[in-house]
Amino acid sequence: MSIETLLEAARFLEWQAQQQQRAREEQERLRLEREREQEQKKANSLARLAHALPVEEPRIEAPPLPLSP
């Protein structure tokens, strides 16, 4: 094998490794994006649910009336 062939093979392997690294980074970016979207959907669902539920105001009970003699 000539030195040129070896250099070409080495360049190809380096290019291939770079392509694989880019693909892994893209997959990770997409995974994180999906996770953020799911978190946002959960937060929106909880906000809608909280908004839909009736607000229960705290009850203030009056003290008992004194007994009349």
Protein backbone atom coordinates (compact mmCIF):
# COMPACT_ATOMS: atom_id res chain seq x y z
CA MET A 1 0.00 0.00 0.00
CA SER A 2 1.28 3.43 -0.86
CA ILE A 3 1.56 6.23 1.65
CA GLU A 4 -1.08 8.18 -0.32
CA THR A 5 -3.57 5.33 0.08
CA LEU A 6 -2.89 5.17 3.82
CA LEU A 7 -3.32 8.93 4.16
CA GLU A 8 -6.57 8.80 2.20
CA ALA A 9 -7.84 5.98 4.43
CA ALA A 10 -6.87 7.93 7.55
CA ARG A 11 -8.67 11.06 6.26
CA PHE A 12 -11.75 8.97 5.49
CA LEU A 13 -11.76 7.42 8.97
CA GLU A 14 -11.35 10.87 10.55
CA TRP A 15 -14.23 12.23 8.42
CA GLN A 16 -16.37 9.23 9.37
CA ALA A 17 -15.66 9.77 13.08
CA GLN A 18 -16.62 13.44 12.75
CA GLN A 19 -19.89 12.50 11.03
CA GLN A 20 -20.70 10.03 13.79
CA GLN A 21 -19.92 12.64 16.45
CA ARG A 22 -22.19 15.17 14.74
CA ALA A 23 -24.96 12.58 14.53
CA ARG A 24 -24.61 11.80 18.26
CA GLU A 25 -24.70 15.51 19.13
CA GLU A 26 -27.80 16.00 16.98
CA GLN A 27 -29.55 13.04 18.60
CA GLU A 28 -28.72 14.41 22.06
CA ARG A 29 -29.99 17.87 21.07
CA LEU A 30 -33.25 16.37 19.79
CA ARG A 31 -33.65 14.28 22.95
CA LEU A 32 -33.19 17.33 25.17
CA GLU A 33 -35.63 19.29 23.02
CA ARG A 34 -38.26 16.55 23.36
CA GLU A 35 -37.73 16.46 27.13
CA ARG A 36 -38.19 20.24 27.36
CA GLU A 37 -41.37 20.02 25.27
CA GLN A 38 -42.75 17.28 27.53
CA GLU A 39 -41.92 19.31 30.66
CA GLN A 40 -43.62 22.34 29.13
CA LYS A 41 -46.72 20.29 28.27
CA LYS A 42 -46.87 18.98 31.85
CA ALA A 43 -46.53 22.49 33.24
CA ASN A 44 -49.25 23.78 30.90
CA SER A 45 -51.56 20.90 31.82
CA LEU A 46 -51.06 21.53 35.52
CA ALA A 47 -51.68 25.24 35.04
CA ARG A 48 -54.92 24.54 33.14
CA LEU A 49 -55.99 22.05 35.78
CA ALA A 50 -55.26 24.47 38.60
CA HIS A 51 -57.16 27.19 36.77
CA ALA A 52 -60.15 24.91 36.19
CA LEU A 53 -60.47 23.81 39.80
CA PRO A 54 -62.65 25.99 42.01
CA VAL A 55 -60.76 28.07 44.47
CA GLU A 56 -61.64 27.11 47.98
CA GLU A 57 -61.40 30.10 50.22
CA PRO A 58 -60.43 29.55 53.82
CA ARG A 59 -63.37 29.57 56.17
CA ILE A 60 -63.29 31.87 59.12
CA GLU A 61 -65.58 30.57 61.78
CA ALA A 62 -67.19 33.04 64.15
CA PRO A 63 -66.57 32.44 67.81
CA PRO A 64 -69.52 30.89 69.63
CA LEU A 65 -72.07 33.30 71.03
CA PRO A 66 -72.18 33.59 74.79
CA LEU A 67 -75.06 31.83 76.43
CA SER A 68 -77.73 34.18 77.71
CA PRO A 69 -78.61 33.95 81.42
